[in-house]
């Protein structure tokens, strides 16, 4: 099932129900296409929010969703901006988390794409209905991924807090020396 979303500027995008689209609201979050409503604001290629005029559903064949370095796709000749990620409900992850998780993959590609041969493009029939191996690995190891992510977040917060404490201490010592002299 595809959702074809048309804006008041007559740009359209056809995506599956789980495809993530950035909405212009207070949270600036990405939501699945199935949760979009008329008059919601989504983004055009130039970053300008535009209202949704209509949402239609239809059955279509073929899905193509490349993972990009930016995490975004320009759809239908650059009219509308969409995430290259989809909501995969068992993982409960956001666009931003998926983009962070795939950072090593993007770095590897960036570093090696100049001197390693690229794999040949798969035909549509070969790649139809397949999930990328990395996404499958993330799914089957989701508890480990959550644990590692939580630990990395906790360590980052601890290091940042310790850094702030040390800076505060140094500043306090400097101020006290100025007061004494």
C-alpha atoms as a PDB file:
ATOM      1  CA  UNK A   1       0.000   0.000   0.000  1.00  0.00           C
ATOM      2  CA  UNK A   2       1.391   3.379  -1.018  1.00  0.00           C
ATOM      3  CA  UNK A   3       0.453   6.838   0.191  1.00  0.00           C
ATOM      4  CA  UNK A   4       0.587   9.550  -2.457  1.00  0.00           C
ATOM      5  CA  UNK A   5       0.899  12.901  -0.751  1.00  0.00           C
ATOM      6  CA  UNK A   6       0.289  16.091  -2.709  1.00  0.00           C
ATOM      7  CA  UNK A   7       1.149  19.564  -1.452  1.00  0.00           C
ATOM      8  CA  UNK A   8      -0.489  22.899  -2.216  1.00  0.00           C
ATOM      9  CA  UNK A   9       2.458  23.548  -4.569  1.00  0.00           C
ATOM     10  CA  UNK A  10       1.438  20.432  -6.558  1.00  0.00           C
ATOM     11  CA  UNK A  11       4.510  18.427  -5.580  1.00  0.00           C
ATOM     12  CA  UNK A  12       3.816  14.758  -4.930  1.00  0.00           C
ATOM     13  CA  UNK A  13       5.522  11.917  -3.181  1.00  0.00           C
ATOM     14  CA  UNK A  14       4.492   8.243  -3.176  1.00  0.00           C
ATOM     15  CA  UNK A  15       5.807   6.253  -0.253  1.00  0.00           C
ATOM     16  CA  UNK A  16       4.964   3.185   1.775  1.00  0.00           C
ATOM     17  CA  UNK A  17       3.082   3.665   5.020  1.00  0.00           C
ATOM     18  CA  UNK A  18       6.240   3.210   7.123  1.00  0.00           C
ATOM     19  CA  UNK A  19       8.376   5.682   5.203  1.00  0.00           C
ATOM     20  CA  UNK A  20       9.537   8.578   7.378  1.00  0.00           C
ATOM     21  CA  UNK A  21       8.694  12.149   6.409  1.00  0.00           C
ATOM     22  CA  UNK A  22       9.878  15.188   8.351  1.00  0.00           C
ATOM     23  CA  UNK A  23       7.027  17.337   9.595  1.00  0.00           C
ATOM     24  CA  UNK A  24       7.193  21.008  10.441  1.00  0.00           C
ATOM     25  CA  UNK A  25       5.910  21.263  13.990  1.00  0.00           C
ATOM     26  CA  UNK A  26       7.384  22.069  17.373  1.00  0.00           C
ATOM     27  CA  UNK A  27       9.209  18.745  17.551  1.00  0.00           C
ATOM     28  CA  UNK A  28      10.609  18.865  13.972  1.00  0.00           C
ATOM     29  CA  UNK A  29      10.280  15.083  14.069  1.00  0.00           C
ATOM     30  CA  UNK A  30       9.988  12.437  11.402  1.00  0.00           C
ATOM     31  CA  UNK A  31       6.728  10.515  11.258  1.00  0.00           C
ATOM     32  CA  UNK A  32       5.536   7.570   9.213  1.00  0.00           C
ATOM     33  CA  UNK A  33       3.542   8.462   6.112  1.00  0.00           C
ATOM     34  CA  UNK A  34       0.464   6.706   7.481  1.00  0.00           C
ATOM     35  CA  UNK A  35       0.240   9.240  10.334  1.00  0.00           C
ATOM     36  CA  UNK A  36       0.277  12.342   8.117  1.00  0.00           C
ATOM     37  CA  UNK A  37      -2.929  14.372   7.893  1.00  0.00           C
ATOM     38  CA  UNK A  38      -4.299  17.055   5.593  1.00  0.00           C
ATOM     39  CA  UNK A  39      -2.798  20.491   6.320  1.00  0.00           C
ATOM     40  CA  UNK A  40       0.271  18.984   8.027  1.00  0.00           C
ATOM     41  CA  UNK A  41       3.432  20.784   6.956  1.00  0.00           C
ATOM     42  CA  UNK A  42       6.203  18.809   5.264  1.00  0.00           C
ATOM     43  CA  UNK A  43       9.396  20.065   3.635  1.00  0.00           C
ATOM     44  CA  UNK A  44      10.240  20.924   0.052  1.00  0.00           C
ATOM     45  CA  UNK A  45      13.790  20.490  -1.255  1.00  0.00           C
ATOM     46  CA  UNK A  46      14.711  24.075  -0.338  1.00  0.00           C
ATOM     47  CA  UNK A  47      13.759  23.497   3.305  1.00  0.00           C
ATOM     48  CA  UNK A  48      10.536  25.474   3.106  1.00  0.00           C
ATOM     49  CA  UNK A  49       7.529  23.893   4.844  1.00  0.00           C
ATOM     50  CA  UNK A  50       4.477  23.345   2.641  1.00  0.00           C
ATOM     51  CA  UNK A  51       0.932  22.172   3.458  1.00  0.00           C
ATOM     52  CA  UNK A  52      -0.414  18.799   2.452  1.00  0.00           C
ATOM     53  CA  UNK A  53      -3.357  19.216   0.086  1.00  0.00           C
ATOM     54  CA  UNK A  54      -4.344  15.573  -0.391  1.00  0.00           C
ATOM     55  CA  UNK A  55      -3.413  12.063   0.660  1.00  0.00           C
ATOM     56  CA  UNK A  56      -4.450   9.118  -1.492  1.00  0.00           C
ATOM     57  CA  UNK A  57      -3.744   5.436  -1.087  1.00  0.00           C
ATOM     58  CA  UNK A  58      -3.070   3.004  -3.902  1.00  0.00           C
ATOM     59  CA  UNK A  59      -1.398  -0.297  -4.628  1.00  0.00           C
ATOM     60  CA  UNK A  60       1.842  -0.100  -6.599  1.00  0.00           C
ATOM     61  CA  UNK A  61       4.718  -2.415  -7.377  1.00  0.00           C
ATOM     62  CA  UNK A  62       8.371  -1.846  -6.704  1.00  0.00           C
ATOM     63  CA  UNK A  63      10.157  -0.220  -3.830  1.00  0.00           C
ATOM     64  CA  UNK A  64      13.451   1.588  -4.053  1.00  0.00           C
ATOM     65  CA  UNK A  65      14.905   3.084  -0.879  1.00  0.00           C
ATOM     66  CA  UNK A  66      18.643   3.686  -1.001  1.00  0.00           C
ATOM     67  CA  UNK A  67      20.516   4.613   2.144  1.00  0.00           C
ATOM     68  CA  UNK A  68      22.112   7.993   1.443  1.00  0.00           C
ATOM     69  CA  UNK A  69      25.009   9.776   3.098  1.00  0.00           C
ATOM     70  CA  UNK A  70      22.735  12.630   4.196  1.00  0.00           C
ATOM     71  CA  UNK A  71      19.883  10.412   5.364  1.00  0.00           C
ATOM     72  CA  UNK A  72      17.487  12.177   2.999  1.00  0.00           C
ATOM     73  CA  UNK A  73      16.044  11.724  -0.456  1.00  0.00           C
ATOM     74  CA  UNK A  74      14.788  14.290  -2.929  1.00  0.00           C
ATOM     75  CA  UNK A  75      11.655  12.737  -4.342  1.00  0.00           C
ATOM     76  CA  UNK A  76      10.111  13.288  -7.784  1.00  0.00           C
ATOM     77  CA  UNK A  77      12.816  15.472  -9.324  1.00  0.00           C
ATOM     78  CA  UNK A  78      13.684  17.220  -6.119  1.00  0.00           C
ATOM     79  CA  UNK A  79      10.236  18.488  -5.167  1.00  0.00           C
ATOM     80  CA  UNK A  80       9.860  17.054  -1.680  1.00  0.00           C
ATOM     81  CA  UNK A  81      12.263  15.977   1.033  1.00  0.00           C
ATOM     82  CA  UNK A  82      11.924  12.539   2.653  1.00  0.00           C
ATOM     83  CA  UNK A  83      14.010  10.406   4.960  1.00  0.00           C
ATOM     84  CA  UNK A  84      15.804   7.468   3.398  1.00  0.00           C
ATOM     85  CA  UNK A  85      14.804   5.427   6.448  1.00  0.00           C
ATOM     86  CA  UNK A  86      11.545   3.705   7.288  1.00  0.00           C
ATOM     87  CA  UNK A  87       9.889   3.163  10.622  1.00  0.00           C
ATOM     88  CA  UNK A  88      10.442  -0.427  11.651  1.00  0.00           C
ATOM     89  CA  UNK A  89       8.097  -0.804  14.601  1.00  0.00           C
ATOM     90  CA  UNK A  90       9.863  -3.693  16.413  1.00  0.00           C
ATOM     91  CA  UNK A  91      13.005  -1.536  16.738  1.00  0.00           C
ATOM     92  CA  UNK A  92      11.255   1.657  17.917  1.00  0.00           C
ATOM     93  CA  UNK A  93      14.013   3.865  16.541  1.00  0.00           C
ATOM     94  CA  UNK A  94      13.870   7.371  15.121  1.00  0.00           C
ATOM     95  CA  UNK A  95      15.326   8.820  11.931  1.00  0.00           C
ATOM     96  CA  UNK A  96      18.096  10.489  13.943  1.00  0.00           C
ATOM     97  CA  UNK A  97      18.998   7.305  15.821  1.00  0.00           C
ATOM     98  CA  UNK A  98      19.100   5.268  12.606  1.00  0.00           C
ATOM     99  CA  UNK A  99      21.307   7.918  11.038  1.00  0.00           C
ATOM    100  CA  UNK A 100      23.683   7.780  14.027  1.00  0.00           C
ATOM    101  CA  UNK A 101      23.713   3.983  14.065  1.00  0.00           C
ATOM    102  CA  UNK A 102      24.633   3.897  10.377  1.00  0.00           C
ATOM    103  CA  UNK A 103      27.473   6.429  10.802  1.00  0.00           C
ATOM    104  CA  UNK A 104      30.211   3.753  10.704  1.00  0.00           C
ATOM    105  CA  UNK A 105      28.660   2.340   7.535  1.00  0.00           C
ATOM    106  CA  UNK A 106      28.585   5.793   5.889  1.00  0.00           C
ATOM    107  CA  UNK A 107      32.159   6.516   7.000  1.00  0.00           C
ATOM    108  CA  UNK A 108      33.336   3.179   5.622  1.00  0.00           C
ATOM    109  CA  UNK A 109      31.636   3.911   2.317  1.00  0.00           C
ATOM    110  CA  UNK A 110      33.102   7.429   2.178  1.00  0.00           C
ATOM    111  CA  UNK A 111      36.608   6.209   2.927  1.00  0.00           C
ATOM    112  CA  UNK A 112      36.597   3.203   0.620  1.00  0.00           C
ATOM    113  CA  UNK A 113      34.410   4.283  -2.290  1.00  0.00           C
ATOM    114  CA  UNK A 114      37.330   5.927  -4.070  1.00  0.00           C
ATOM    115  CA  UNK A 115      39.602   2.873  -4.131  1.00  0.00           C
ATOM    116  CA  UNK A 116      37.394  -0.215  -3.700  1.00  0.00           C
ATOM    117  CA  UNK A 117      35.205  -1.432  -6.552  1.00  0.00           C
ATOM    118  CA  UNK A 118      31.493  -0.896  -5.998  1.00  0.00           C
ATOM    119  CA  UNK A 119      29.089  -3.816  -6.223  1.00  0.00           C
ATOM    120  CA  UNK A 120      26.944  -3.950  -9.333  1.00  0.00           C
ATOM    121  CA  UNK A 121      23.419  -2.592  -9.053  1.00  0.00           C
ATOM    122  CA  UNK A 122      20.988  -5.404  -8.304  1.00  0.00           C
ATOM    123  CA  UNK A 123      18.051  -5.826 -10.591  1.00  0.00           C
ATOM    124  CA  UNK A 124      14.654  -4.955  -9.178  1.00  0.00           C
ATOM    125  CA  UNK A 125      13.644  -8.617  -8.978  1.00  0.00           C
ATOM    126  CA  UNK A 126      16.782  -9.526  -7.014  1.00  0.00           C
ATOM    127  CA  UNK A 127      16.351  -6.774  -4.452  1.00  0.00           C
ATOM    128  CA  UNK A 128      12.566  -6.870  -4.202  1.00  0.00           C
ATOM    129  CA  UNK A 129      11.236  -7.349  -0.668  1.00  0.00           C
ATOM    130  CA  UNK A 130      14.685  -7.786   0.854  1.00  0.00           C
ATOM    131  CA  UNK A 131      15.864  -5.983   3.941  1.00  0.00           C
ATOM    132  CA  UNK A 132      19.431  -4.700   4.091  1.00  0.00           C
ATOM    133  CA  UNK A 133      21.722  -7.019   6.067  1.00  0.00           C
ATOM    134  CA  UNK A 134      22.638  -4.247   8.506  1.00  0.00           C
ATOM    135  CA  UNK A 135      18.988  -3.532   9.327  1.00  0.00           C
ATOM    136  CA  UNK A 136      18.401  -7.260   9.906  1.00  0.00           C
ATOM    137  CA  UNK A 137      21.453  -7.413  12.167  1.00  0.00           C
ATOM    138  CA  UNK A 138      20.146  -4.407  14.114  1.00  0.00           C
ATOM    139  CA  UNK A 139      16.769  -6.090  14.469  1.00  0.00           C
ATOM    140  CA  UNK A 140      18.138  -9.402  15.731  1.00  0.00           C
ATOM    141  CA  UNK A 141      20.587  -7.634  18.054  1.00  0.00           C
ATOM    142  CA  UNK A 142      18.278  -4.807  19.116  1.00  0.00           C
ATOM    143  CA  UNK A 143      18.816  -5.377  22.852  1.00  0.00           C
ATOM    144  CA  UNK A 144      22.578  -5.228  22.384  1.00  0.00           C
ATOM    145  CA  UNK A 145      22.207  -2.108  20.218  1.00  0.00           C
ATOM    146  CA  UNK A 146      20.046  -0.455  22.887  1.00  0.00           C
ATOM    147  CA  UNK A 147      22.550  -1.398  25.599  1.00  0.00           C
ATOM    148  CA  UNK A 148      25.543  -0.078  23.645  1.00  0.00           C
ATOM    149  CA  UNK A 149      23.660   3.085  22.690  1.00  0.00           C
ATOM    150  CA  UNK A 150      22.581   3.656  26.317  1.00  0.00           C
ATOM    151  CA  UNK A 151      26.125   3.091  27.561  1.00  0.00           C
ATOM    152  CA  UNK A 152      27.575   5.453  24.952  1.00  0.00           C
ATOM    153  CA  UNK A 153      24.991   8.072  25.874  1.00  0.00           C
ATOM    154  CA  UNK A 154      25.707   7.651  29.593  1.00  0.00           C
ATOM    155  CA  UNK A 155      29.470   7.869  29.042  1.00  0.00           C
ATOM    156  CA  UNK A 156      29.036  10.969  26.892  1.00  0.00           C
ATOM    157  CA  UNK A 157      26.895  12.628  29.572  1.00  0.00           C
ATOM    158  CA  UNK A 158      29.396  11.660  32.276  1.00  0.00           C
ATOM    159  CA  UNK A 159      32.371  13.004  30.301  1.00  0.00           C
ATOM    160  CA  UNK A 160      30.507  16.227  29.490  1.00  0.00           C
ATOM    161  CA  UNK A 161      29.519  16.690  33.145  1.00  0.00           C
ATOM    162  CA  UNK A 162      33.073  15.990  34.310  1.00  0.00           C
ATOM    163  CA  UNK A 163      34.391  18.458  31.737  1.00  0.00           C
ATOM    164  CA  UNK A 164      31.987  21.132  32.996  1.00  0.00           C
ATOM    165  CA  UNK A 165      33.010  20.441  36.607  1.00  0.00           C
ATOM    166  CA  UNK A 166      36.710  20.731  35.715  1.00  0.00           C
ATOM    167  CA  UNK A 167      36.176  23.949  33.741  1.00  0.00           C
ATOM    168  CA  UNK A 168      34.162  25.375  36.646  1.00  0.00           C
ATOM    169  CA  UNK A 169      36.957  24.433  39.047  1.00  0.00           C
ATOM    170  CA  UNK A 170      39.632  26.060  36.864  1.00  0.00           C
ATOM    171  CA  UNK A 171      37.548  29.215  36.477  1.00  0.00           C
ATOM    172  CA  UNK A 172      36.929  29.363  40.232  1.00  0.00           C
ATOM    173  CA  UNK A 173      40.680  29.020  40.915  1.00  0.00           C
ATOM    174  CA  UNK A 174      41.439  31.764  38.370  1.00  0.00           C
ATOM    175  CA  UNK A 175      38.835  34.085  39.895  1.00  0.00           C
ATOM    176  CA  UNK A 176      40.128  33.416  43.424  1.00  0.00           C
ATOM    177  CA  UNK A 177      43.706  34.201  42.328  1.00  0.00           C
ATOM    178  CA  UNK A 178      42.529  37.495  40.834  1.00  0.00           C
ATOM    179  CA  UNK A 179      40.670  38.392  44.026  1.00  0.00           C
ATOM    180  CA  UNK A 180      43.721  37.589  46.187  1.00  0.00           C
ATOM    181  CA  UNK A 181      46.142  39.598  44.039  1.00  0.00           C
END
